[in-house]
Amino acid sequence: MKQVDLKLVLAAQDGDRDAFGRLMDLYKGRIYAMSLAITGDRDEAQELTQETFVRALQGLPKLSSPERFPSWLRGIARTAGQDARRKAARERKHALAAGERGARRASPTPSEEVSARELAQADRAQLEAQLAALSSDCRLALDLRFGEDLSYAEIARVLGVPVSTVRGLLYRGTKTLRERMRPHLARTRGKGDEA
């Protein structure tokens, strides 16, 4: 953790709201990316990011190791995400019991004539759809490894699991993505070559 960040954490612990606001500005992108990996939905990720910072503000006075603020904040995001998943599962269960059906998301389809930019956008959209289909633990592990560039040991601490579990999550996640993306890439590359 940078010395400047540590000073901000200490100031925020002493009640300096501006310091906490600066911490939010510094970490909101990372927490949003992690929240998106957990939820697979941009709006839900935004809500989860806000919830994470509300919880962090409430718990900051009790943070005993200010130098561990980044991992502490990721832990709050993880817990808030688990809470949100449990709540969503309960709501789905009640909706199904009442006979309601949830709306299904349509996966994006590439246009017939695609430029290189459109092809890249279609690839990105397909990748996001495939990421959203992974288990939340796999999505989160992948995001922490490739989005946040955390080590296996750091990911294990954030997730509260052994390093061997992290290895398994990353292996399954990347293997599944490769398998699911292969047909899409073959189709879209073929169309791109014809254009």
C-alpha atoms as a PDB file:
ATOM      1  CA  MET A   1       0.000   0.000   0.000  1.00  0.00           C
ATOM      2  CA  LYS A   2       1.292   3.454  -0.888  1.00  0.00           C
ATOM      3  CA  GLN A   3       2.253   5.790   1.934  1.00  0.00           C
ATOM      4  CA  VAL A   4      -0.228   8.397   0.639  1.00  0.00           C
ATOM      5  CA  ASP A   5      -3.056   5.847   0.789  1.00  0.00           C
ATOM      6  CA  LEU A   6      -2.070   4.904   4.339  1.00  0.00           C
ATOM      7  CA  LYS A   7      -2.220   8.555   5.397  1.00  0.00           C
ATOM      8  CA  LEU A   8      -5.689   8.822   3.852  1.00  0.00           C
ATOM      9  CA  VAL A   9      -6.844   5.702   5.716  1.00  0.00           C
ATOM     10  CA  LEU A  10      -5.544   7.052   9.020  1.00  0.00           C
ATOM     11  CA  ALA A  11      -7.190  10.421   8.399  1.00  0.00           C
ATOM     12  CA  ALA A  12     -10.466   8.725   7.417  1.00  0.00           C
ATOM     13  CA  GLN A  13     -10.328   6.657  10.603  1.00  0.00           C
ATOM     14  CA  ASP A  14     -10.106   9.931  12.518  1.00  0.00           C
ATOM     15  CA  GLY A  15     -13.342  11.085  10.864  1.00  0.00           C
ATOM     16  CA  ASP A  16     -11.979  13.044   7.882  1.00  0.00           C
ATOM     17  CA  ARG A  17     -14.752  12.627   5.279  1.00  0.00           C
ATOM     18  CA  ASP A  18     -12.662  14.225   2.530  1.00  0.00           C
ATOM     19  CA  ALA A  19      -9.949  11.610   3.095  1.00  0.00           C
ATOM     20  CA  PHE A  20     -12.553   8.850   2.823  1.00  0.00           C
ATOM     21  CA  GLY A  21     -13.882  10.449  -0.380  1.00  0.00           C
ATOM     22  CA  ARG A  22     -10.379  10.394  -1.836  1.00  0.00           C
ATOM     23  CA  LEU A  23     -10.026   6.729  -0.850  1.00  0.00           C
ATOM     24  CA  MET A  24     -13.306   6.018  -2.633  1.00  0.00           C
ATOM     25  CA  ASP A  25     -12.006   7.755  -5.759  1.00  0.00           C
ATOM     26  CA  LEU A  26      -8.807   5.693  -5.610  1.00  0.00           C
ATOM     27  CA  TYR A  27     -10.474   2.315  -5.078  1.00  0.00           C
ATOM     28  CA  LYS A  28     -13.930   2.540  -6.679  1.00  0.00           C
ATOM     29  CA  GLY A  29     -12.713   1.272 -10.066  1.00  0.00           C
ATOM     30  CA  ARG A  30     -11.186  -1.845  -8.535  1.00  0.00           C
ATOM     31  CA  ILE A  31     -14.194  -2.498  -6.320  1.00  0.00           C
ATOM     32  CA  TYR A  32     -16.567  -1.971  -9.253  1.00  0.00           C
ATOM     33  CA  ALA A  33     -14.576  -4.458 -11.376  1.00  0.00           C
ATOM     34  CA  MET A  34     -14.678  -6.972  -8.551  1.00  0.00           C
ATOM     35  CA  SER A  35     -18.405  -6.341  -8.034  1.00  0.00           C
ATOM     36  CA  LEU A  36     -19.022  -6.845 -11.744  1.00  0.00           C
ATOM     37  CA  ALA A  37     -17.150 -10.146 -11.560  1.00  0.00           C
ATOM     38  CA  ILE A  38     -19.353 -11.183  -8.644  1.00  0.00           C
ATOM     39  CA  THR A  39     -22.700 -10.108 -10.089  1.00  0.00           C
ATOM     40  CA  GLY A  40     -22.226 -10.234 -13.851  1.00  0.00           C
ATOM     41  CA  ASP A  41     -24.544  -7.217 -14.112  1.00  0.00           C
ATOM     42  CA  ARG A  42     -23.461  -3.570 -14.399  1.00  0.00           C
ATOM     43  CA  ASP A  43     -26.337  -2.089 -12.410  1.00  0.00           C
ATOM     44  CA  GLU A  44     -25.987  -4.648  -9.638  1.00  0.00           C
ATOM     45  CA  ALA A  45     -22.224  -4.077  -9.618  1.00  0.00           C
ATOM     46  CA  GLN A  46     -22.804  -0.350  -9.165  1.00  0.00           C
ATOM     47  CA  GLU A  47     -25.134  -1.014  -6.236  1.00  0.00           C
ATOM     48  CA  LEU A  48     -22.681  -3.491  -4.729  1.00  0.00           C
ATOM     49  CA  THR A  49     -19.845  -0.964  -5.050  1.00  0.00           C
ATOM     50  CA  GLN A  50     -21.918   1.625  -3.181  1.00  0.00           C
ATOM     51  CA  GLU A  51     -22.842  -0.910  -0.509  1.00  0.00           C
ATOM     52  CA  THR A  52     -19.169  -1.825  -0.092  1.00  0.00           C
ATOM     53  CA  PHE A  53     -18.177   1.771   0.593  1.00  0.00           C
ATOM     54  CA  VAL A  54     -21.093   2.310   2.980  1.00  0.00           C
ATOM     55  CA  ARG A  55     -19.985  -0.750   4.953  1.00  0.00           C
ATOM     56  CA  ALA A  56     -16.369   0.391   4.790  1.00  0.00           C
ATOM     57  CA  LEU A  57     -17.251   3.818   6.177  1.00  0.00           C
ATOM     58  CA  GLN A  58     -19.158   2.210   9.034  1.00  0.00           C
ATOM     59  CA  GLY A  59     -16.390  -0.283   9.817  1.00  0.00           C
ATOM     60  CA  LEU A  60     -13.369   1.944   9.261  1.00  0.00           C
ATOM     61  CA  PRO A  61     -12.977   3.003  12.914  1.00  0.00           C
ATOM     62  CA  LYS A  62     -12.594  -0.677  13.845  1.00  0.00           C
ATOM     63  CA  LEU A  63      -9.939  -1.441  11.187  1.00  0.00           C
ATOM     64  CA  SER A  64      -6.954  -2.519  13.288  1.00  0.00           C
ATOM     65  CA  SER A  65      -4.421  -2.763  10.435  1.00  0.00           C
ATOM     66  CA  PRO A  66      -4.797   0.348   8.250  1.00  0.00           C
ATOM     67  CA  GLU A  67      -1.997  -0.848   5.950  1.00  0.00           C
ATOM     68  CA  ARG A  68      -4.266  -3.763   4.949  1.00  0.00           C
ATOM     69  CA  PHE A  69      -7.040  -1.423   3.777  1.00  0.00           C
ATOM     70  CA  PRO A  70      -7.093  -2.700   0.139  1.00  0.00           C
ATOM     71  CA  SER A  71      -7.544  -6.368   1.116  1.00  0.00           C
ATOM     72  CA  TRP A  72      -9.974  -5.389   3.895  1.00  0.00           C
ATOM     73  CA  LEU A  73     -12.042  -3.432   1.346  1.00  0.00           C
ATOM     74  CA  ARG A  74     -12.038  -6.379  -1.093  1.00  0.00           C
ATOM     75  CA  GLY A  75     -13.216  -8.609   1.758  1.00  0.00           C
ATOM     76  CA  ILE A  76     -16.120  -6.243   2.404  1.00  0.00           C
ATOM     77  CA  ALA A  77     -17.016  -6.342  -1.306  1.00  0.00           C
ATOM     78  CA  ARG A  78     -16.897 -10.140  -1.276  1.00  0.00           C
ATOM     79  CA  THR A  79     -19.138 -10.351   1.790  1.00  0.00           C
ATOM     80  CA  ALA A  80     -21.568  -7.789   0.354  1.00  0.00           C
ATOM     81  CA  GLY A  81     -21.644  -9.811  -2.867  1.00  0.00           C
ATOM     82  CA  GLN A  82     -22.407 -13.020  -0.981  1.00  0.00           C
ATOM     83  CA  ASP A  83     -25.193 -11.223   0.872  1.00  0.00           C
ATOM     84  CA  ALA A  84     -26.591  -9.915  -2.418  1.00  0.00           C
ATOM     85  CA  ARG A  85     -26.464 -13.415  -3.985  1.00  0.00           C
ATOM     86  CA  ARG A  86     -28.302 -14.912  -1.015  1.00  0.00           C
ATOM     87  CA  LYS A  87     -30.930 -12.183  -1.192  1.00  0.00           C
ATOM     88  CA  ALA A  88     -31.329 -12.680  -4.954  1.00  0.00           C
ATOM     89  CA  ALA A  89     -31.641 -16.449  -4.481  1.00  0.00           C
ATOM     90  CA  ARG A  90     -34.379 -15.933  -1.879  1.00  0.00           C
ATOM     91  CA  GLU A  91     -36.200 -13.528  -4.204  1.00  0.00           C
ATOM     92  CA  ARG A  92     -35.955 -15.978  -7.122  1.00  0.00           C
ATOM     93  CA  LYS A  93     -37.243 -18.774  -4.921  1.00  0.00           C
ATOM     94  CA  HIS A  94     -40.231 -16.659  -3.871  1.00  0.00           C
ATOM     95  CA  ALA A  95     -40.866 -15.558  -7.455  1.00  0.00           C
ATOM     96  CA  LEU A  96     -40.827 -19.155  -8.686  1.00  0.00           C
ATOM     97  CA  ALA A  97     -43.131 -20.201  -5.873  1.00  0.00           C
ATOM     98  CA  ALA A  98     -45.536 -17.465  -6.960  1.00  0.00           C
ATOM     99  CA  GLY A  99     -45.386 -18.720 -10.546  1.00  0.00           C
ATOM    100  CA  GLU A 100     -43.440 -15.787 -11.930  1.00  0.00           C
ATOM    101  CA  ARG A 101     -40.680 -16.275 -14.435  1.00  0.00           C
ATOM    102  CA  GLY A 102     -37.565 -14.133 -14.501  1.00  0.00           C
ATOM    103  CA  ALA A 103     -36.694 -12.231 -17.632  1.00  0.00           C
ATOM    104  CA  ARG A 104     -33.903 -13.832 -19.596  1.00  0.00           C
ATOM    105  CA  ARG A 105     -31.017 -11.841 -20.974  1.00  0.00           C
ATOM    106  CA  ALA A 106     -30.491 -12.105 -24.680  1.00  0.00           C
ATOM    107  CA  SER A 107     -26.919 -12.774 -25.701  1.00  0.00           C
ATOM    108  CA  PRO A 108     -25.572 -10.398 -28.315  1.00  0.00           C
ATOM    109  CA  THR A 109     -25.224 -11.633 -31.886  1.00  0.00           C
ATOM    110  CA  PRO A 110     -22.664 -10.234 -34.327  1.00  0.00           C
ATOM    111  CA  SER A 111     -23.995  -8.583 -37.461  1.00  0.00           C
ATOM    112  CA  GLU A 112     -23.608 -10.294 -40.831  1.00  0.00           C
ATOM    113  CA  GLU A 113     -21.111  -7.739 -42.099  1.00  0.00           C
ATOM    114  CA  VAL A 114     -18.637  -6.892 -39.405  1.00  0.00           C
ATOM    115  CA  SER A 115     -15.753  -4.492 -39.439  1.00  0.00           C
ATOM    116  CA  ALA A 116     -12.702  -5.142 -37.323  1.00  0.00           C
ATOM    117  CA  ARG A 117     -14.074  -2.847 -34.610  1.00  0.00           C
ATOM    118  CA  GLU A 118     -17.504  -4.475 -34.669  1.00  0.00           C
ATOM    119  CA  LEU A 119     -15.844  -7.870 -34.520  1.00  0.00           C
ATOM    120  CA  ALA A 120     -13.843  -6.838 -31.450  1.00  0.00           C
ATOM    121  CA  GLN A 121     -17.023  -5.471 -29.819  1.00  0.00           C
ATOM    122  CA  ALA A 122     -18.872  -8.706 -30.575  1.00  0.00           C
ATOM    123  CA  ASP A 123     -15.980 -10.708 -29.129  1.00  0.00           C
ATOM    124  CA  ARG A 124     -16.024  -8.554 -25.986  1.00  0.00           C
ATOM    125  CA  ALA A 125     -19.799  -8.862 -25.621  1.00  0.00           C
ATOM    126  CA  GLN A 126     -19.622 -12.631 -26.090  1.00  0.00           C
ATOM    127  CA  LEU A 127     -16.786 -12.859 -23.565  1.00  0.00           C
ATOM    128  CA  GLU A 128     -18.825 -10.831 -21.052  1.00  0.00           C
ATOM    129  CA  ALA A 129     -21.816 -13.122 -21.633  1.00  0.00           C
ATOM    130  CA  GLN A 130     -19.661 -16.203 -21.113  1.00  0.00           C
ATOM    131  CA  LEU A 131     -18.075 -14.690 -17.992  1.00  0.00           C
ATOM    132  CA  ALA A 132     -21.531 -13.975 -16.613  1.00  0.00           C
ATOM    133  CA  ALA A 133     -22.424 -17.648 -17.125  1.00  0.00           C
ATOM    134  CA  LEU A 134     -19.522 -18.812 -14.931  1.00  0.00           C
ATOM    135  CA  SER A 135     -19.988 -19.397 -11.229  1.00  0.00           C
ATOM    136  CA  SER A 136     -19.485 -16.229  -9.209  1.00  0.00           C
ATOM    137  CA  ASP A 137     -16.438 -17.758  -7.482  1.00  0.00           C
ATOM    138  CA  CYS A 138     -14.770 -18.459 -10.843  1.00  0.00           C
ATOM    139  CA  ARG A 139     -15.641 -14.962 -12.143  1.00  0.00           C
ATOM    140  CA  LEU A 140     -14.259 -13.352  -9.018  1.00  0.00           C
ATOM    141  CA  ALA A 141     -11.055 -15.417  -9.056  1.00  0.00           C
ATOM    142  CA  LEU A 142     -10.489 -14.565 -12.735  1.00  0.00           C
ATOM    143  CA  ASP A 143     -11.115 -10.877 -12.119  1.00  0.00           C
ATOM    144  CA  LEU A 144      -8.780 -10.762  -9.136  1.00  0.00           C
ATOM    145  CA  ARG A 145      -6.047 -12.577 -11.074  1.00  0.00           C
ATOM    146  CA  PHE A 146      -6.313 -10.893 -14.474  1.00  0.00           C
ATOM    147  CA  GLY A 147      -8.090  -7.630 -13.621  1.00  0.00           C
ATOM    148  CA  GLU A 148      -6.440  -6.828 -10.293  1.00  0.00           C
ATOM    149  CA  ASP A 149      -3.200  -8.782 -10.949  1.00  0.00           C
ATOM    150  CA  LEU A 150      -3.296 -10.381  -7.484  1.00  0.00           C
ATOM    151  CA  SER A 151      -1.161 -13.384  -6.632  1.00  0.00           C
ATOM    152  CA  TYR A 152      -2.740 -16.750  -5.867  1.00  0.00           C
ATOM    153  CA  ALA A 153      -2.041 -16.209  -2.159  1.00  0.00           C
ATOM    154  CA  GLU A 154      -3.705 -12.775  -2.220  1.00  0.00           C
ATOM    155  CA  ILE A 155      -6.745 -14.194  -4.022  1.00  0.00           C
ATOM    156  CA  ALA A 156      -6.933 -16.978  -1.440  1.00  0.00           C
ATOM    157  CA  ARG A 157      -7.009 -14.377   1.360  1.00  0.00           C
ATOM    158  CA  VAL A 158      -9.722 -12.326  -0.369  1.00  0.00           C
ATOM    159  CA  LEU A 159     -11.875 -15.389  -1.048  1.00  0.00           C
ATOM    160  CA  GLY A 160     -11.111 -17.040   2.281  1.00  0.00           C
ATOM    161  CA  VAL A 161     -10.107 -20.328   0.623  1.00  0.00           C
ATOM    162  CA  PRO A 162      -6.861 -22.339   0.267  1.00  0.00           C
ATOM    163  CA  VAL A 163      -4.481 -21.552  -2.609  1.00  0.00           C
ATOM    164  CA  SER A 164      -5.287 -24.966  -4.115  1.00  0.00           C
ATOM    165  CA  THR A 165      -8.924 -23.889  -4.429  1.00  0.00           C
ATOM    166  CA  VAL A 166      -7.827 -20.694  -6.194  1.00  0.00           C
ATOM    167  CA  ARG A 167      -5.794 -22.774  -8.654  1.00  0.00           C
ATOM    168  CA  GLY A 168      -8.828 -24.941  -9.320  1.00  0.00           C
ATOM    169  CA  LEU A 169     -11.148 -21.960  -9.812  1.00  0.00           C
ATOM    170  CA  LEU A 170      -8.730 -20.305 -12.240  1.00  0.00           C
ATOM    171  CA  TYR A 171      -8.139 -23.553 -14.132  1.00  0.00           C
ATOM    172  CA  ARG A 172     -11.859 -24.315 -14.469  1.00  0.00           C
ATOM    173  CA  GLY A 173     -12.714 -20.725 -15.350  1.00  0.00           C
ATOM    174  CA  THR A 174     -10.127 -20.336 -18.098  1.00  0.00           C
ATOM    175  CA  LYS A 175     -10.799 -23.810 -19.505  1.00  0.00           C
ATOM    176  CA  THR A 176     -14.553 -23.186 -19.614  1.00  0.00           C
ATOM    177  CA  LEU A 177     -14.101 -19.779 -21.248  1.00  0.00           C
ATOM    178  CA  ARG A 178     -11.766 -21.244 -23.863  1.00  0.00           C
ATOM    179  CA  GLU A 179     -14.240 -24.008 -24.703  1.00  0.00           C
ATOM    180  CA  ARG A 180     -17.230 -21.665 -24.833  1.00  0.00           C
ATOM    181  CA  MET A 181     -15.462 -18.977 -26.870  1.00  0.00           C
ATOM    182  CA  ARG A 182     -13.935 -21.346 -29.448  1.00  0.00           C
ATOM    183  CA  PRO A 183     -17.135 -21.777 -31.553  1.00  0.00           C
ATOM    184  CA  HIS A 184     -17.941 -18.066 -31.364  1.00  0.00           C
ATOM    185  CA  LEU A 185     -14.447 -17.063 -32.453  1.00  0.00           C
ATOM    186  CA  ALA A 186     -14.489 -19.612 -35.289  1.00  0.00           C
ATOM    187  CA  ARG A 187     -17.834 -18.222 -36.549  1.00  0.00           C
ATOM    188  CA  THR A 188     -16.949 -14.545 -36.248  1.00  0.00           C
ATOM    189  CA  ARG A 189     -13.429 -14.944 -37.633  1.00  0.00           C
ATOM    190  CA  GLY A 190     -14.863 -16.758 -40.637  1.00  0.00           C
ATOM    191  CA  LYS A 191     -17.304 -13.904 -41.267  1.00  0.00           C
ATOM    192  CA  GLY A 192     -14.578 -11.341 -40.786  1.00  0.00           C
ATOM    193  CA  ASP A 193     -12.396 -13.127 -43.357  1.00  0.00           C
ATOM    194  CA  GLU A 194     -15.209 -13.084 -45.907  1.00  0.00           C
ATOM    195  CA  ALA A 195     -15.848  -9.364 -45.559  1.00  0.00           C
END
